[in-house]
Amino acid sequence: VYEDEHLLVVNKPAGMVVHPAHQNWTGTLVNALAYHFEHMPSMPGNEGRPGLVHRIDKDTSGLLVIGKTEAVLSGLAKQFFDHSIERTYWALVWGEPDPAQGTIHVNVGRSLKDRRVTVAFPEGDMGRDAITHYRVLKTLRYVSLVECKLETGRTHQIRVHAAEGLGLPIVGDPVYGRQDNAMLLHCGFLSLPRSGKPPAEAKAPLPAAFEDAGFVLAF
């Protein structure tokens, strides 16, 4: 989507794993980065994941920003920590959210029974603070296209907030809903702050699977 001497923004397809892990050692985004670039920096404690300061799930499509130098990588990491990077996702959920616009503020964290799964926790000291702002863009009643803006960035946050906060899982979610087709969750907009300049913006249109379901979104 964008590249200069400092950073790279890619539009990851659904089904591609971001970094190598158990059962997914090849064909990942990190494998591709290692192939195309000889030297990519890594954050301390994040060895083996060069250039990465954030990730999206295997079944999620959309934008990822990658730092090409140590200085840029550190700067991006601070911006993500400060929540100054704006990220907008679009999700197709089962049903029609009510109200059509609002904020989901529900703590999330790793399940005590299965560490691969994130769950919602009642208010208190369990889980981590998680906030998602949403609004319905279009609805066919049985499914709705929802815009989600992250105030925090927890593992599986939108997926858990949709399923347990709204009570309407994302279409195709194999963990928090039912896998009747590909999961329809897409990160389509990133805004990166720049000192003394307007924010740098990157956009990625909705994948064809959304159009097949009857939803088109123009920038």
Protein backbone atom coordinates (compact mmCIF):
# COMPACT_ATOMS: atom_id res chain seq x y z
CA VAL A 1 0.00 0.00 0.00
CA TYR A 2 2.85 2.38 0.86
CA GLU A 3 6.63 2.28 1.21
CA ASP A 4 9.47 4.72 1.82
CA GLU A 5 12.91 4.47 3.40
CA HIS A 6 11.40 4.41 6.89
CA LEU A 7 8.39 2.14 6.84
CA LEU A 8 6.19 -0.20 4.87
CA VAL A 9 2.39 -0.59 4.97
CA VAL A 10 0.96 -3.83 3.61
CA ASN A 11 -2.56 -5.11 3.01
CA LYS A 12 -2.49 -8.63 4.44
CA PRO A 13 -4.94 -11.12 2.93
CA ALA A 14 -7.14 -13.27 5.15
CA GLY A 15 -5.58 -16.66 5.78
CA MET A 16 -1.99 -15.38 5.99
CA VAL A 17 -0.24 -15.78 9.35
CA VAL A 18 1.75 -12.72 10.44
CA HIS A 19 4.72 -14.41 12.12
CA PRO A 20 5.99 -18.01 12.40
CA ALA A 21 4.61 -20.06 15.29
CA HIS A 22 3.52 -23.60 16.07
CA GLN A 23 2.16 -25.30 12.91
CA ASN A 24 2.83 -22.15 10.86
CA TRP A 25 6.58 -21.94 10.17
CA THR A 26 6.41 -20.93 6.50
CA GLY A 27 4.30 -18.72 4.26
CA THR A 28 3.97 -15.97 6.88
CA LEU A 29 4.32 -12.21 6.47
CA VAL A 30 7.61 -12.34 8.40
CA ASN A 31 8.91 -14.97 5.97
CA ALA A 32 8.07 -12.59 3.12
CA LEU A 33 9.81 -9.67 4.85
CA ALA A 34 12.92 -11.78 5.45
CA TYR A 35 12.94 -12.72 1.76
CA HIS A 36 12.58 -9.17 0.44
CA PHE A 37 14.79 -7.33 2.95
CA GLU A 38 18.21 -8.42 4.14
CA HIS A 39 18.13 -6.52 7.43
CA MET A 40 14.99 -5.69 9.41
CA PRO A 41 15.17 -4.54 13.04
CA SER A 42 13.30 -6.25 15.88
CA MET A 43 11.98 -4.84 19.13
CA PRO A 44 13.61 -6.15 22.35
CA GLY A 45 11.74 -9.25 23.45
CA ASN A 46 10.20 -9.58 20.00
CA GLU A 47 13.06 -11.40 18.29
CA GLY A 48 12.08 -13.43 15.25
CA ARG A 49 9.44 -10.87 14.27
CA PRO A 50 11.47 -8.27 12.35
CA GLY A 51 9.80 -4.97 11.62
CA LEU A 52 6.65 -5.79 13.57
CA VAL A 53 5.12 -3.65 16.30
CA HIS A 54 1.57 -4.99 15.92
CA ARG A 55 -0.22 -7.82 14.18
CA ILE A 56 -3.65 -8.93 13.05
CA ASP A 57 -5.13 -12.41 13.23
CA LYS A 58 -4.62 -15.01 10.53
CA ASP A 59 -8.28 -14.85 9.48
CA THR A 60 -8.39 -11.02 9.56
CA SER A 61 -7.41 -9.04 6.46
CA GLY A 62 -6.07 -5.52 6.20
CA LEU A 63 -3.37 -3.04 7.02
CA LEU A 64 -0.14 -3.60 8.93
CA VAL A 65 2.65 -1.05 9.38
CA ILE A 66 6.24 -2.30 9.48
CA GLY A 67 9.27 -0.34 10.66
CA LYS A 68 12.39 -0.57 8.46
CA THR A 69 14.81 1.07 10.91
CA GLU A 70 15.34 0.76 14.66
CA ALA A 71 14.41 4.42 15.22
CA VAL A 72 11.14 4.11 13.30
CA LEU A 73 10.32 0.80 14.96
CA SER A 74 10.78 2.36 18.40
CA GLY A 75 8.70 5.38 17.40
CA LEU A 76 5.87 3.22 16.09
CA ALA A 77 5.94 1.09 19.25
CA LYS A 78 5.53 4.24 21.38
CA GLN A 79 2.66 5.47 19.22
CA PHE A 80 0.85 2.15 19.60
CA PHE A 81 1.50 2.23 23.35
CA ASP A 82 0.14 5.80 23.53
CA HIS A 83 -2.85 4.84 21.31
CA SER A 84 -2.04 7.76 18.98
CA ILE A 85 -2.26 5.57 15.86
CA GLU A 86 -5.84 5.47 14.60
CA ARG A 87 -7.07 2.10 13.33
CA THR A 88 -10.44 1.49 11.73
CA TYR A 89 -11.84 -1.98 11.10
CA TRP A 90 -14.95 -3.11 9.28
CA ALA A 91 -16.75 -6.23 10.40
CA LEU A 92 -19.79 -8.08 9.13
CA VAL A 93 -21.76 -9.29 12.15
CA TRP A 94 -24.78 -11.53 12.45
CA GLY A 95 -27.93 -9.52 13.18
CA GLU A 96 -28.51 -5.82 13.77
CA PRO A 97 -26.70 -4.05 16.65
CA ASP A 98 -28.94 -2.13 19.03
CA PRO A 99 -28.11 0.69 19.56
CA ALA A 100 -26.69 1.35 16.11
CA GLN A 101 -23.77 3.31 17.56
CA GLY A 102 -21.94 3.12 20.85
CA THR A 103 -18.90 2.10 22.86
CA ILE A 104 -18.12 -1.38 24.16
CA HIS A 105 -16.04 -1.16 27.33
CA VAL A 106 -15.52 -4.75 28.45
CA ASN A 107 -12.33 -6.18 29.94
CA VAL A 108 -10.79 -9.03 27.95
CA GLY A 109 -8.02 -11.53 28.66
CA ARG A 110 -6.77 -15.03 28.05
CA SER A 111 -9.17 -17.79 29.04
CA LEU A 112 -8.15 -19.61 32.20
CA LYS A 113 -9.18 -22.86 30.50
CA ASP A 114 -7.66 -22.34 27.04
CA ARG A 115 -4.83 -19.83 26.57
CA ARG A 116 -5.49 -19.68 22.83
CA VAL A 117 -8.88 -18.05 23.44
CA THR A 118 -9.69 -14.54 24.68
CA VAL A 119 -12.75 -14.05 26.85
CA ALA A 120 -14.69 -11.13 28.33
CA PHE A 121 -14.46 -10.57 32.07
CA PRO A 122 -16.88 -8.72 34.34
CA GLU A 123 -15.74 -5.43 35.82
CA GLY A 124 -12.94 -5.82 38.32
CA ASP A 125 -9.31 -6.79 38.27
CA MET A 126 -9.62 -9.66 35.76
CA GLY A 127 -8.50 -9.21 32.18
CA ARG A 128 -7.25 -5.99 30.62
CA ASP A 129 -9.12 -2.79 29.87
CA ALA A 130 -10.53 -2.89 26.32
CA ILE A 131 -12.54 -0.21 24.50
CA THR A 132 -14.10 -0.41 21.03
CA HIS A 133 -16.18 2.38 19.45
CA TYR A 134 -18.63 1.13 16.82
CA ARG A 135 -21.32 2.32 14.44
CA VAL A 136 -23.51 0.51 11.94
CA LEU A 137 -22.83 1.56 8.35
CA LYS A 138 -25.41 -0.64 6.63
CA THR A 139 -27.72 -3.42 7.69
CA LEU A 140 -29.70 -6.12 5.95
CA ARG A 141 -31.11 -7.05 9.40
CA TYR A 142 -29.75 -10.59 9.32
CA VAL A 143 -26.23 -9.19 8.84
CA SER A 144 -24.79 -5.70 9.39
CA LEU A 145 -21.63 -3.89 8.29
CA VAL A 146 -20.12 -2.31 11.39
CA GLU A 147 -17.26 0.17 11.64
CA CYS A 148 -15.03 -0.39 14.68
CA LYS A 149 -12.42 2.03 15.99
CA LEU A 150 -9.99 0.73 18.58
CA GLU A 151 -9.12 2.78 21.63
CA THR A 152 -7.12 -0.17 22.92
CA GLY A 153 -5.59 -3.08 21.02
CA ARG A 154 -6.05 -6.36 22.87
CA THR A 155 -5.79 -9.83 21.35
CA HIS A 156 -9.06 -10.70 19.54
CA GLN A 157 -10.62 -7.52 20.99
CA ILE A 158 -13.13 -6.78 18.21
CA ARG A 159 -14.06 -10.45 17.86
CA VAL A 160 -14.78 -10.82 21.59
CA HIS A 161 -16.54 -7.46 21.85
CA ALA A 162 -18.77 -8.34 18.90
CA ALA A 163 -19.65 -11.78 20.26
CA GLU A 164 -19.98 -10.96 23.95
CA GLY A 165 -20.36 -7.16 24.05
CA LEU A 166 -22.90 -6.88 21.23
CA GLY A 167 -24.05 -10.50 21.36
CA LEU A 168 -23.54 -10.61 17.57
CA PRO A 169 -20.47 -12.61 16.47
CA ILE A 170 -18.56 -11.75 13.32
CA VAL A 171 -19.63 -13.71 10.25
CA GLY A 172 -17.28 -16.64 9.72
CA ASP A 173 -15.49 -16.34 13.07
CA PRO A 174 -14.25 -19.89 13.76
CA VAL A 175 -13.66 -19.29 17.50
CA TYR A 176 -16.31 -16.88 18.78
CA GLY A 177 -19.05 -17.63 16.26
CA ARG A 178 -19.39 -20.29 13.59
CA GLN A 179 -17.15 -20.91 10.61
CA ASP A 180 -19.64 -21.03 7.77
CA ASN A 181 -17.27 -19.14 5.42
CA ALA A 182 -14.24 -16.82 5.64
CA MET A 183 -14.21 -14.47 8.63
CA LEU A 184 -15.27 -11.00 7.51
CA LEU A 185 -13.11 -8.64 9.58
CA HIS A 186 -10.89 -6.11 7.79
CA CYS A 187 -8.54 -3.35 8.95
CA GLY A 188 -9.11 -0.75 6.24
CA PHE A 189 -7.68 2.50 7.62
CA LEU A 190 -4.52 3.56 9.48
CA SER A 191 -3.60 7.09 10.50
CA LEU A 192 -0.03 7.64 11.72
CA PRO A 193 0.82 10.90 13.53
CA ARG A 194 3.82 12.88 12.23
CA SER A 195 5.60 15.68 14.07
CA GLY A 196 4.71 19.05 12.52
CA LYS A 197 2.92 17.44 9.58
CA PRO A 198 -0.58 16.11 8.85
CA PRO A 199 -1.03 12.43 9.78
CA ALA A 200 0.03 9.85 7.21
CA GLU A 201 -2.97 7.81 6.12
CA ALA A 202 -3.24 4.40 4.49
CA LYS A 203 -6.40 2.77 3.15
CA ALA A 204 -7.34 -0.69 1.92
CA PRO A 205 -10.73 -1.35 0.31
CA LEU A 206 -13.07 -4.07 1.50
CA PRO A 207 -12.12 -7.53 0.20
CA ALA A 208 -14.29 -9.22 -2.41
CA ALA A 209 -15.90 -11.44 0.24
CA PHE A 210 -17.71 -8.38 1.65
CA GLU A 211 -18.95 -7.44 -1.81
CA ASP A 212 -20.14 -11.01 -2.35
CA ALA A 213 -22.26 -10.59 0.78
CA GLY A 214 -23.81 -7.40 -0.64
CA PHE A 215 -21.70 -4.71 1.05
CA VAL A 216 -19.65 -2.11 -0.81
CA LEU A 217 -17.85 0.76 0.93
CA ALA A 218 -16.48 3.76 -0.93
CA PHE A 219 -13.72 5.90 0.59
